[in-house]
């Protein structure tokens, strides 16, 4: 896609696109969520470019967003499991 937009090709074209794809899938999880998170990552990338953030720091920020999303997801899963365990123990009473 990048080559068609630039009407030129280079081996390094699209080197940062894989990070956007991974971030969108990790943040989204499902098909609908992936679409929404793709827009979020796109807006984040565009905003960072508009602000003049270097490409290195853009990758760092996207990585931090991915790590934060995974941590939040794990915390939610643990809270849900804890709630199910508590609900199950109350049902036995």
PDB file of N, CA and C in Angstrom:
ATOM      1  N   UNK A   1       0.816  -1.187   0.000  1.00  0.00           N
ATOM      2  CA  UNK A   1       0.000   0.000   0.000  1.00  0.00           C
ATOM      3  C   UNK A   1       0.860   1.252   0.000  1.00  0.00           C
ATOM      4  N   UNK A   2       1.936   1.221   0.767  1.00  0.00           N
ATOM      5  CA  UNK A   2       2.816   2.389   0.819  1.00  0.00           C
ATOM      6  C   UNK A   2       3.453   2.616  -0.547  1.00  0.00           C
ATOM      7  N   UNK A   3       3.877   1.540  -1.194  1.00  0.00           N
ATOM      8  CA  UNK A   3       4.502   1.670  -2.510  1.00  0.00           C
ATOM      9  C   UNK A   3       3.522   2.239  -3.527  1.00  0.00           C
ATOM     10  N   UNK A   4       2.262   1.812  -3.467  1.00  0.00           N
ATOM     11  CA  UNK A   4       1.284   2.336  -4.415  1.00  0.00           C
ATOM     12  C   UNK A   4       0.986   3.811  -4.151  1.00  0.00           C
ATOM     13  N   UNK A   5       1.033   4.219  -2.901  1.00  0.00           N
ATOM     14  CA  UNK A   5       0.794   5.625  -2.584  1.00  0.00           C
ATOM     15  C   UNK A   5       1.967   6.498  -3.027  1.00  0.00           C
ATOM     16  N   UNK A   6       3.177   5.966  -2.892  1.00  0.00           N
ATOM     17  CA  UNK A   6       4.365   6.730  -3.250  1.00  0.00           C
ATOM     18  C   UNK A   6       4.732   6.587  -4.725  1.00  0.00           C
ATOM     19  N   UNK A   7       4.117   5.640  -5.396  1.00  0.00           N
ATOM     20  CA  UNK A   7       4.425   5.287  -6.779  1.00  0.00           C
ATOM     21  C   UNK A   7       5.923   4.993  -6.908  1.00  0.00           C
ATOM     22  N   UNK A   8       6.462   4.365  -5.905  1.00  0.00           N
ATOM     23  CA  UNK A   8       7.862   3.958  -5.877  1.00  0.00           C
ATOM     24  C   UNK A   8       8.003   2.841  -4.845  1.00  0.00           C
ATOM     25  N   UNK A   9       9.078   2.103  -4.949  1.00  0.00           N
ATOM     26  CA  UNK A   9       9.275   1.005  -4.015  1.00  0.00           C
ATOM     27  C   UNK A   9      10.693   1.041  -3.458  1.00  0.00           C
ATOM     28  N   UNK A  10      10.787   0.646  -2.210  1.00  0.00           N
ATOM     29  CA  UNK A  10      12.074   0.587  -1.527  1.00  0.00           C
ATOM     30  C   UNK A  10      11.964  -0.513  -0.485  1.00  0.00           C
ATOM     31  N   UNK A  11      13.040  -1.259  -0.226  1.00  0.00           N
ATOM     32  CA  UNK A  11      12.972  -2.353   0.748  1.00  0.00           C
ATOM     33  C   UNK A  11      12.531  -1.912   2.149  1.00  0.00           C
ATOM     34  N   UNK A  12      12.750  -0.671   2.491  1.00  0.00           N
ATOM     35  CA  UNK A  12      12.401  -0.189   3.830  1.00  0.00           C
ATOM     36  C   UNK A  12      10.994   0.400   3.896  1.00  0.00           C
ATOM     37  N   UNK A  13      10.254   0.387   2.779  1.00  0.00           N
ATOM     38  CA  UNK A  13       8.886   0.924   2.813  1.00  0.00           C
ATOM     39  C   UNK A  13       8.021   0.134   3.784  1.00  0.00           C
ATOM     40  N   UNK A  14       7.287   0.837   4.602  1.00  0.00           N
ATOM     41  CA  UNK A  14       6.343   0.192   5.507  1.00  0.00           C
ATOM     42  C   UNK A  14       6.968  -0.472   6.704  1.00  0.00           C
ATOM     43  N   UNK A  15       8.172  -0.073   7.098  1.00  0.00           N
ATOM     44  CA  UNK A  15       8.833  -0.742   8.223  1.00  0.00           C
ATOM     45  C   UNK A  15       8.128  -0.506   9.545  1.00  0.00           C
ATOM     46  N   UNK A  16       7.366   0.567   9.665  1.00  0.00           N
ATOM     47  CA  UNK A  16       6.667   0.803  10.928  1.00  0.00           C
ATOM     48  C   UNK A  16       5.224   0.306  10.896  1.00  0.00           C
ATOM     49  N   UNK A  17       4.784  -0.221   9.770  1.00  0.00           N
ATOM     50  CA  UNK A  17       3.391  -0.678   9.656  1.00  0.00           C
ATOM     51  C   UNK A  17       3.112  -1.920  10.498  1.00  0.00           C
ATOM     52  N   UNK A  18       4.118  -2.776  10.678  1.00  0.00           N
ATOM     53  CA  UNK A  18       3.884  -3.987  11.472  1.00  0.00           C
ATOM     54  C   UNK A  18       3.574  -3.646  12.921  1.00  0.00           C
ATOM     55  N   UNK A  19       4.186  -2.600  13.429  1.00  0.00           N
ATOM     56  CA  UNK A  19       3.914  -2.178  14.804  1.00  0.00           C
ATOM     57  C   UNK A  19       2.463  -1.719  14.930  1.00  0.00           C
ATOM     58  N   UNK A  20       1.965  -0.986  13.944  1.00  0.00           N
ATOM     59  CA  UNK A  20       0.574  -0.542  13.973  1.00  0.00           C
ATOM     60  C   UNK A  20      -0.378  -1.726  13.905  1.00  0.00           C
ATOM     61  N   UNK A  21      -0.064  -2.709  13.085  1.00  0.00           N
ATOM     62  CA  UNK A  21      -0.930  -3.883  12.967  1.00  0.00           C
ATOM     63  C   UNK A  21      -0.958  -4.682  14.265  1.00  0.00           C
ATOM     64  N   UNK A  22       0.197  -4.901  14.854  1.00  0.00           N
ATOM     65  CA  UNK A  22       0.261  -5.635  16.124  1.00  0.00           C
ATOM     66  C   UNK A  22      -0.475  -4.875  17.210  1.00  0.00           C
ATOM     67  N   UNK A  23      -0.264  -3.578  17.276  1.00  0.00           N
ATOM     68  CA  UNK A  23      -0.928  -2.767  18.299  1.00  0.00           C
ATOM     69  C   UNK A  23      -2.435  -2.826  18.140  1.00  0.00           C
ATOM     70  N   UNK A  24      -2.931  -2.745  16.911  1.00  0.00           N
ATOM     71  CA  UNK A  24      -4.376  -2.781  16.679  1.00  0.00           C
ATOM     72  C   UNK A  24      -4.975  -4.114  17.118  1.00  0.00           C
ATOM     73  N   UNK A  25      -4.299  -5.211  16.822  1.00  0.00           N
ATOM     74  CA  UNK A  25      -4.825  -6.530  17.191  1.00  0.00           C
ATOM     75  C   UNK A  25      -4.758  -6.743  18.694  1.00  0.00           C
ATOM     76  N   UNK A  26      -3.655  -6.351  19.316  1.00  0.00           N
ATOM     77  CA  UNK A  26      -3.520  -6.527  20.769  1.00  0.00           C
ATOM     78  C   UNK A  26      -4.556  -5.701  21.512  1.00  0.00           C
ATOM     79  N   UNK A  27      -4.737  -4.465  21.087  1.00  0.00           N
ATOM     80  CA  UNK A  27      -5.702  -3.594  21.755  1.00  0.00           C
ATOM     81  C   UNK A  27      -7.135  -4.029  21.485  1.00  0.00           C
ATOM     82  N   UNK A  28      -7.405  -4.496  20.271  1.00  0.00           N
ATOM     83  CA  UNK A  28      -8.779  -4.799  19.872  1.00  0.00           C
ATOM     84  C   UNK A  28      -9.276  -6.150  20.338  1.00  0.00           C
ATOM     85  N   UNK A  29      -8.527  -7.197  20.048  1.00  0.00           N
ATOM     86  CA  UNK A  29      -8.938  -8.535  20.444  1.00  0.00           C
ATOM     87  C   UNK A  29      -9.898  -9.182  19.468  1.00  0.00           C
ATOM     88  N   UNK A  30     -11.053  -8.610  19.248  1.00  0.00           N
ATOM     89  CA  UNK A  30     -12.041  -9.167  18.329  1.00  0.00           C
ATOM     90  C   UNK A  30     -12.026  -8.381  17.023  1.00  0.00           C
ATOM     91  N   UNK A  31     -12.820  -8.821  16.074  1.00  0.00           N
ATOM     92  CA  UNK A  31     -12.834  -8.133  14.771  1.00  0.00           C
ATOM     93  C   UNK A  31     -13.284  -6.689  14.930  1.00  0.00           C
ATOM     94  N   UNK A  32     -14.387  -6.464  15.608  1.00  0.00           N
ATOM     95  CA  UNK A  32     -14.876  -5.103  15.803  1.00  0.00           C
ATOM     96  C   UNK A  32     -13.891  -4.292  16.644  1.00  0.00           C
ATOM     97  N   UNK A  33     -13.383  -4.897  17.690  1.00  0.00           N
ATOM     98  CA  UNK A  33     -12.410  -4.215  18.546  1.00  0.00           C
ATOM     99  C   UNK A  33     -11.135  -3.881  17.800  1.00  0.00           C
ATOM    100  N   UNK A  34     -10.711  -4.774  16.896  1.00  0.00           N
ATOM    101  CA  UNK A  34      -9.514  -4.518  16.109  1.00  0.00           C
ATOM    102  C   UNK A  34      -9.715  -3.338  15.175  1.00  0.00           C
ATOM    103  N   UNK A  35     -10.902  -3.237  14.585  1.00  0.00           N
ATOM    104  CA  UNK A  35     -11.189  -2.087  13.728  1.00  0.00           C
ATOM    105  C   UNK A  35     -11.137  -0.784  14.519  1.00  0.00           C
ATOM    106  N   UNK A  36     -11.764  -0.788  15.681  1.00  0.00           N
ATOM    107  CA  UNK A  36     -11.775   0.416  16.518  1.00  0.00           C
ATOM    108  C   UNK A  36     -10.362   0.757  16.976  1.00  0.00           C
ATOM    109  N   UNK A  37      -9.628  -0.253  17.432  1.00  0.00           N
ATOM    110  CA  UNK A  37      -8.276   0.024  17.911  1.00  0.00           C
ATOM    111  C   UNK A  37      -7.346   0.419  16.763  1.00  0.00           C
ATOM    112  N   UNK A  38      -7.627  -0.055  15.556  1.00  0.00           N
ATOM    113  CA  UNK A  38      -6.868   0.389  14.394  1.00  0.00           C
ATOM    114  C   UNK A  38      -7.022   1.884  14.177  1.00  0.00           C
ATOM    115  N   UNK A  39      -8.254   2.372  14.337  1.00  0.00           N
ATOM    116  CA  UNK A  39      -8.484   3.812  14.242  1.00  0.00           C
ATOM    117  C   UNK A  39      -7.772   4.556  15.370  1.00  0.00           C
ATOM    118  N   UNK A  40      -7.798   3.998  16.567  1.00  0.00           N
ATOM    119  CA  UNK A  40      -7.133   4.642  17.708  1.00  0.00           C
ATOM    120  C   UNK A  40      -5.626   4.735  17.454  1.00  0.00           C
ATOM    121  N   UNK A  41      -5.022   3.633  17.010  1.00  0.00           N
ATOM    122  CA  UNK A  41      -3.589   3.633  16.732  1.00  0.00           C
ATOM    123  C   UNK A  41      -3.282   4.598  15.588  1.00  0.00           C
ATOM    124  N   UNK A  42      -4.153   4.633  14.575  1.00  0.00           N
ATOM    125  CA  UNK A  42      -3.954   5.568  13.466  1.00  0.00           C
ATOM    126  C   UNK A  42      -4.002   7.015  13.925  1.00  0.00           C
ATOM    127  N   UNK A  43      -4.986   7.339  14.768  1.00  0.00           N
ATOM    128  CA  UNK A  43      -5.080   8.701  15.296  1.00  0.00           C
ATOM    129  C   UNK A  43      -3.878   9.029  16.172  1.00  0.00           C
ATOM    130  N   UNK A  44      -3.442   8.053  16.973  1.00  0.00           N
ATOM    131  CA  UNK A  44      -2.267   8.254  17.814  1.00  0.00           C
ATOM    132  C   UNK A  44      -1.040   8.536  16.944  1.00  0.00           C
ATOM    133  N   UNK A  45      -0.850   7.715  15.904  1.00  0.00           N
ATOM    134  CA  UNK A  45       0.297   7.905  15.009  1.00  0.00           C
ATOM    135  C   UNK A  45       0.234   9.262  14.317  1.00  0.00           C
ATOM    136  N   UNK A  46      -0.947   9.613  13.817  1.00  0.00           N
ATOM    137  CA  UNK A  46      -1.095  10.915  13.150  1.00  0.00           C
ATOM    138  C   UNK A  46      -0.826  12.066  14.114  1.00  0.00           C
ATOM    139  N   UNK A  47      -1.344  11.959  15.321  1.00  0.00           N
ATOM    140  CA  UNK A  47      -1.136  13.002  16.319  1.00  0.00           C
ATOM    141  C   UNK A  47       0.325  13.162  16.681  1.00  0.00           C
ATOM    142  N   UNK A  48       1.028  12.038  16.795  1.00  0.00           N
ATOM    143  CA  UNK A  48       2.449  12.109  17.124  1.00  0.00           C
ATOM    144  C   UNK A  48       3.240  12.742  15.981  1.00  0.00           C
ATOM    145  N   UNK A  49       2.843  12.437  14.742  1.00  0.00           N
ATOM    146  CA  UNK A  49       3.521  13.044  13.589  1.00  0.00           C
ATOM    147  C   UNK A  49       3.259  14.542  13.559  1.00  0.00           C
ATOM    148  N   UNK A  50       2.004  14.933  13.788  1.00  0.00           N
ATOM    149  CA  UNK A  50       1.661  16.357  13.787  1.00  0.00           C
ATOM    150  C   UNK A  50       2.422  17.108  14.877  1.00  0.00           C
ATOM    151  N   UNK A  51       2.613  16.452  16.019  1.00  0.00           N
ATOM    152  CA  UNK A  51       3.345  17.079  17.114  1.00  0.00           C
ATOM    153  C   UNK A  51       4.845  17.114  16.864  1.00  0.00           C
ATOM    154  N   UNK A  52       5.310  16.432  15.828  1.00  0.00           N
ATOM    155  CA  UNK A  52       6.733  16.449  15.498  1.00  0.00           C
ATOM    156  C   UNK A  52       7.568  15.480  16.307  1.00  0.00           C
ATOM    157  N   UNK A  53       6.951  14.432  16.846  1.00  0.00           N
ATOM    158  CA  UNK A  53       7.675  13.439  17.638  1.00  0.00           C
ATOM    159  C   UNK A  53       8.495  12.571  16.682  1.00  0.00           C
ATOM    160  N   UNK A  54       9.735  12.282  17.042  1.00  0.00           N
ATOM    161  CA  UNK A  54      10.603  11.473  16.176  1.00  0.00           C
ATOM    162  C   UNK A  54      10.047  10.053  16.061  1.00  0.00           C
ATOM    163  N   UNK A  55      10.455   9.369  14.989  1.00  0.00           N
ATOM    164  CA  UNK A  55       9.940   8.021  14.743  1.00  0.00           C
ATOM    165  C   UNK A  55      10.322   7.060  15.862  1.00  0.00           C
ATOM    166  N   UNK A  56      11.501   7.227  16.431  1.00  0.00           N
ATOM    167  CA  UNK A  56      11.924   6.380  17.550  1.00  0.00           C
ATOM    168  C   UNK A  56      10.947   6.496  18.718  1.00  0.00           C
ATOM    169  N   UNK A  57      10.627   7.733  19.105  1.00  0.00           N
ATOM    170  CA  UNK A  57       9.738   7.934  20.241  1.00  0.00           C
ATOM    171  C   UNK A  57       8.300   7.525  19.912  1.00  0.00           C
ATOM    172  N   UNK A  58       7.924   7.601  18.633  1.00  0.00           N
ATOM    173  CA  UNK A  58       6.605   7.114  18.238  1.00  0.00           C
ATOM    174  C   UNK A  58       6.497   5.618  18.513  1.00  0.00           C
ATOM    175  N   UNK A  59       7.552   4.870  18.169  1.00  0.00           N
ATOM    176  CA  UNK A  59       7.558   3.422  18.421  1.00  0.00           C
ATOM    177  C   UNK A  59       7.540   3.140  19.921  1.00  0.00           C
ATOM    178  N   UNK A  60       8.280   3.919  20.686  1.00  0.00           N
ATOM    179  CA  UNK A  60       8.311   3.743  22.137  1.00  0.00           C
ATOM    180  C   UNK A  60       6.912   3.980  22.720  1.00  0.00           C
ATOM    181  N   UNK A  61       6.263   5.043  22.306  1.00  0.00           N
ATOM    182  CA  UNK A  61       4.934   5.372  22.827  1.00  0.00           C
ATOM    183  C   UNK A  61       3.930   4.290  22.449  1.00  0.00           C
ATOM    184  N   UNK A  62       3.986   3.807  21.203  1.00  0.00           N
ATOM    185  CA  UNK A  62       3.082   2.721  20.784  1.00  0.00           C
ATOM    186  C   UNK A  62       3.347   1.464  21.604  1.00  0.00           C
ATOM    187  N   UNK A  63       4.617   1.184  21.883  1.00  0.00           N
ATOM    188  CA  UNK A  63       4.952   0.028  22.714  1.00  0.00           C
ATOM    189  C   UNK A  63       4.399   0.166  24.123  1.00  0.00           C
ATOM    190  N   UNK A  64       4.484   1.358  24.670  1.00  0.00           N
ATOM    191  CA  UNK A  64       3.932   1.612  26.006  1.00  0.00           C
ATOM    192  C   UNK A  64       2.421   1.430  26.001  1.00  0.00           C
ATOM    193  N   UNK A  65       1.761   1.879  24.939  1.00  0.00           N
ATOM    194  CA  UNK A  65       0.306   1.704  24.831  1.00  0.00           C
ATOM    195  C   UNK A  65      -0.041   0.218  24.783  1.00  0.00           C
ATOM    196  N   UNK A  66       0.727  -0.571  24.035  1.00  0.00           N
ATOM    197  CA  UNK A  66       0.478  -2.018  23.958  1.00  0.00           C
ATOM    198  C   UNK A  66       0.672  -2.662  25.326  1.00  0.00           C
ATOM    199  N   UNK A  67       1.763  -2.336  25.995  1.00  0.00           N
ATOM    200  CA  UNK A  67       2.035  -2.914  27.318  1.00  0.00           C
ATOM    201  C   UNK A  67       0.937  -2.528  28.306  1.00  0.00           C
ATOM    202  N   UNK A  68       0.509  -1.266  28.277  1.00  0.00           N
ATOM    203  CA  UNK A  68      -0.566  -0.826  29.172  1.00  0.00           C
ATOM    204  C   UNK A  68      -1.857  -1.577  28.875  1.00  0.00           C
ATOM    205  N   UNK A  69      -2.156  -1.792  27.597  1.00  0.00           N
ATOM    206  CA  UNK A  69      -3.378  -2.520  27.234  1.00  0.00           C
ATOM    207  C   UNK A  69      -3.333  -3.953  27.740  1.00  0.00           C
ATOM    208  N   UNK A  70      -2.188  -4.599  27.626  1.00  0.00           N
ATOM    209  CA  UNK A  70      -2.057  -5.982  28.112  1.00  0.00           C
ATOM    210  C   UNK A  70      -2.200  -6.030  29.628  1.00  0.00           C
ATOM    211  N   UNK A  71      -1.584  -5.095  30.324  1.00  0.00           N
ATOM    212  CA  UNK A  71      -1.689  -5.053  31.791  1.00  0.00           C
ATOM    213  C   UNK A  71      -3.132  -4.826  32.217  1.00  0.00           C
ATOM    214  N   UNK A  72      -3.816  -3.892  31.584  1.00  0.00           N
ATOM    215  CA  UNK A  72      -5.219  -3.621  31.923  1.00  0.00           C
ATOM    216  C   UNK A  72      -6.088  -4.838  31.642  1.00  0.00           C
ATOM    217  N   UNK A  73      -5.832  -5.512  30.506  1.00  0.00           N
ATOM    218  CA  UNK A  73      -6.602  -6.712  30.172  1.00  0.00           C
ATOM    219  C   UNK A  73      -6.388  -7.805  31.210  1.00  0.00           C
ATOM    220  N   UNK A  74      -5.150  -8.011  31.639  1.00  0.00           N
ATOM    221  CA  UNK A  74      -4.867  -9.018  32.653  1.00  0.00           C
ATOM    222  C   UNK A  74      -5.530  -8.678  33.988  1.00  0.00           C
ATOM    223  N   UNK A  75      -5.526  -7.399  34.342  1.00  0.00           N
ATOM    224  CA  UNK A  75      -6.182  -6.982  35.584  1.00  0.00           C
ATOM    225  C   UNK A  75      -7.685  -7.227  35.502  1.00  0.00           C
ATOM    226  N   UNK A  76      -8.289  -6.942  34.348  1.00  0.00           N
ATOM    227  CA  UNK A  76      -9.718  -7.180  34.179  1.00  0.00           C
ATOM    228  C   UNK A  76     -10.031  -8.665  34.276  1.00  0.00           C
ATOM    229  N   UNK A  77      -9.210  -9.507  33.652  1.00  0.00           N
ATOM    230  CA  UNK A  77      -9.436 -10.949  33.729  1.00  0.00           C
ATOM    231  C   UNK A  77      -9.347 -11.450  35.163  1.00  0.00           C
ATOM    232  N   UNK A  78      -8.369 -10.977  35.905  1.00  0.00           N
ATOM    233  CA  UNK A  78      -8.227 -11.401  37.302  1.00  0.00           C
ATOM    234  C   UNK A  78      -9.415 -10.950  38.151  1.00  0.00           C
ATOM    235  N   UNK A  79      -9.883  -9.722  37.898  1.00  0.00           N
ATOM    236  CA  UNK A  79     -11.037  -9.225  38.647  1.00  0.00           C
ATOM    237  C   UNK A  79     -12.292 -10.030  38.313  1.00  0.00           C
ATOM    238  N   UNK A  80     -12.464 -10.400  37.042  1.00  0.00           N
ATOM    239  CA  UNK A  80     -13.613 -11.202  36.650  1.00  0.00           C
ATOM    240  C   UNK A  80     -13.541 -12.591  37.275  1.00  0.00           C
ATOM    241  N   UNK A  81     -12.360 -13.192  37.268  1.00  0.00           N
ATOM    242  CA  UNK A  81     -12.208 -14.507  37.887  1.00  0.00           C
ATOM    243  C   UNK A  81     -12.480 -14.440  39.381  1.00  0.00           C
ATOM    244  N   UNK A  82     -11.992 -13.396  40.018  1.00  0.00           N
ATOM    245  CA  UNK A  82     -12.222 -13.231  41.456  1.00  0.00           C
ATOM    246  C   UNK A  82     -13.712 -13.065  41.738  1.00  0.00           C
ATOM    247  N   UNK A  83     -14.403 -12.288  40.893  1.00  0.00           N
ATOM    248  CA  UNK A  83     -15.842 -12.095  41.070  1.00  0.00           C
ATOM    249  C   UNK A  83     -16.594 -13.398  40.867  1.00  0.00           C
ATOM    250  N   UNK A  84     -16.179 -14.212  39.901  1.00  0.00           N
ATOM    251  CA  UNK A  84     -16.832 -15.501  39.667  1.00  0.00           C
ATOM    252  C   UNK A  84     -16.613 -16.445  40.832  1.00  0.00           C
ATOM    253  N   UNK A  85     -15.408 -16.435  41.392  1.00  0.00           N
ATOM    254  CA  UNK A  85     -15.115 -17.284  42.543  1.00  0.00           C
ATOM    255  C   UNK A  85     -15.962 -16.860  43.745  1.00  0.00           C
ATOM    256  N   UNK A  86     -16.049 -15.552  43.983  1.00  0.00           N
ATOM    257  CA  UNK A  86     -16.850 -15.054  45.100  1.00  0.00           C
ATOM    258  C   UNK A  86     -18.331 -15.354  44.875  1.00  0.00           C
ATOM    259  N   UNK A  87     -18.781 -15.232  43.633  1.00  0.00           N
ATOM    260  CA  UNK A  87     -20.179 -15.519  43.322  1.00  0.00           C
ATOM    261  C   UNK A  87     -20.478 -17.003  43.519  1.00  0.00           C
ATOM    262  N   UNK A  88     -19.525 -17.855  43.149  1.00  0.00           N
ATOM    263  CA  UNK A  88     -19.698 -19.287  43.323  1.00  0.00           C
ATOM    264  C   UNK A  88     -19.714 -19.693  44.792  1.00  0.00           C
ATOM    265  N   UNK A  89     -18.894 -19.055  45.610  1.00  0.00           N
ATOM    266  CA  UNK A  89     -18.863 -19.387  47.033  1.00  0.00           C
ATOM    267  C   UNK A  89     -20.121 -18.902  47.738  1.00  0.00           C
ATOM    268  N   UNK A  90     -20.708 -17.779  47.285  1.00  0.00           N
ATOM    269  CA  UNK A  90     -21.963 -17.289  47.865  1.00  0.00           C
ATOM    270  C   UNK A  90     -23.128 -18.192  47.476  1.00  0.00           C
ATOM    271  N   UNK A  91     -23.072 -18.769  46.288  1.00  0.00           N
ATOM    272  CA  UNK A  91     -24.156 -19.646  45.823  1.00  0.00           C
ATOM    273  C   UNK A  91     -24.170 -20.944  46.624  1.00  0.00           C
ATOM    274  N   UNK A  92     -23.014 -21.396  47.105  1.00  0.00           N
ATOM    275  CA  UNK A  92     -22.930 -22.631  47.874  1.00  0.00           C
ATOM    276  C   UNK A  92     -23.503 -22.466  49.274  1.00  0.00           C
ATOM    277  N   UNK A  93     -23.560 -21.253  49.749  1.00  0.00           N
ATOM    278  CA  UNK A  93     -24.041 -21.006  51.126  1.00  0.00           C
ATOM    279  C   UNK A  93     -25.484 -21.214  51.210  1.00  0.00           C
TER     280      UNK A  93
END
